[in-house]
Protein backbone atom coordinates (compact mmCIF):
# COMPACT_ATOMS: atom_id res chain seq x y z
CA UNK A 1 95.84 -34.81 5.62
CA UNK A 2 98.12 -36.92 2.87
CA UNK A 3 101.54 -38.35 3.69
CA UNK A 4 104.43 -37.39 2.99
CA UNK A 5 107.42 -39.03 1.07
CA UNK A 6 110.40 -38.36 3.51
CA UNK A 7 113.24 -36.08 2.23
CA UNK A 8 116.24 -38.43 0.38
CA UNK A 9 118.62 -40.04 2.58
CA UNK A 10 121.86 -40.03 1.56
CA UNK A 11 125.24 -41.16 2.49
CA UNK A 12 128.97 -40.08 2.10
CA UNK A 13 126.97 -37.89 -0.89
CA UNK A 14 125.40 -41.68 -2.78
CA UNK A 15 121.46 -41.46 -2.69
CA UNK A 16 119.66 -44.07 -1.22
CA UNK A 17 116.88 -45.39 -3.34
CA UNK A 18 113.88 -45.15 -1.93
CA UNK A 19 112.18 -49.00 -0.21
CA UNK A 20 110.61 -50.76 -2.73
CA UNK A 21 108.12 -54.30 -2.82
CA UNK A 22 110.48 -57.26 -4.50
CA UNK A 23 109.23 -59.43 -6.95
CA UNK A 24 109.70 -62.44 -3.68
CA UNK A 25 107.46 -59.91 -1.54
CA UNK A 26 104.60 -59.20 -4.65
CA UNK A 27 105.29 -63.30 -4.39
CA UNK A 28 104.05 -63.84 -1.32
CA UNK A 29 101.60 -61.11 -1.48
CA UNK A 30 99.80 -63.14 -3.50
CA UNK A 31 100.44 -67.43 -2.57
CA UNK A 32 99.83 -66.16 0.93
CA UNK A 33 96.55 -63.35 0.56
CA UNK A 34 95.32 -62.90 -2.60
CA UNK A 35 94.69 -66.52 -4.13
CA UNK A 36 93.67 -67.69 -0.25
CA UNK A 37 90.88 -64.64 -0.65
CA UNK A 38 89.86 -65.52 -3.86
CA UNK A 39 89.77 -69.12 -3.31
CA UNK A 40 87.99 -68.90 -0.24
CA UNK A 41 85.01 -66.92 -1.79
CA UNK A 42 84.89 -69.24 -4.67
CA UNK A 43 83.83 -71.79 -2.02
CA UNK A 44 81.66 -70.29 -0.15
CA UNK A 45 79.78 -68.87 -3.11
CA UNK A 46 79.32 -72.31 -3.71
CA UNK A 47 78.58 -73.52 -1.24
CA UNK A 48 75.99 -70.46 -1.45
CA UNK A 49 74.48 -71.08 -4.53
CA UNK A 50 74.26 -75.35 -4.10
CA UNK A 51 72.36 -74.73 -0.95
CA UNK A 52 69.81 -72.31 -1.77
CA UNK A 53 70.15 -72.22 -5.33
CA UNK A 54 70.83 -68.30 -6.03
CA UNK A 55 74.04 -67.53 -8.47
CA UNK A 56 75.99 -65.18 -6.73
CA UNK A 57 79.94 -65.66 -7.55
CA UNK A 58 81.90 -64.01 -10.19
CA UNK A 59 81.12 -66.50 -12.87
CA UNK A 60 77.06 -65.29 -12.75
CA UNK A 61 78.18 -62.35 -14.16
CA UNK A 62 79.19 -63.54 -17.18
CA UNK A 63 76.01 -66.14 -18.40
């Protein structure tokens, strides 16, 4: 069972556009969610490499 879109709404014969993410919303998601998760993951990977001598970070894939 998938998600169904609600039918388009109209007001005085004009169709209301569907909700969408704005540029500010994408920026907020990037700065408040993606960036901290990436930085914390990198710090933990670096700490694991320093403590255990095993490379577990993304930079291990490149070489």
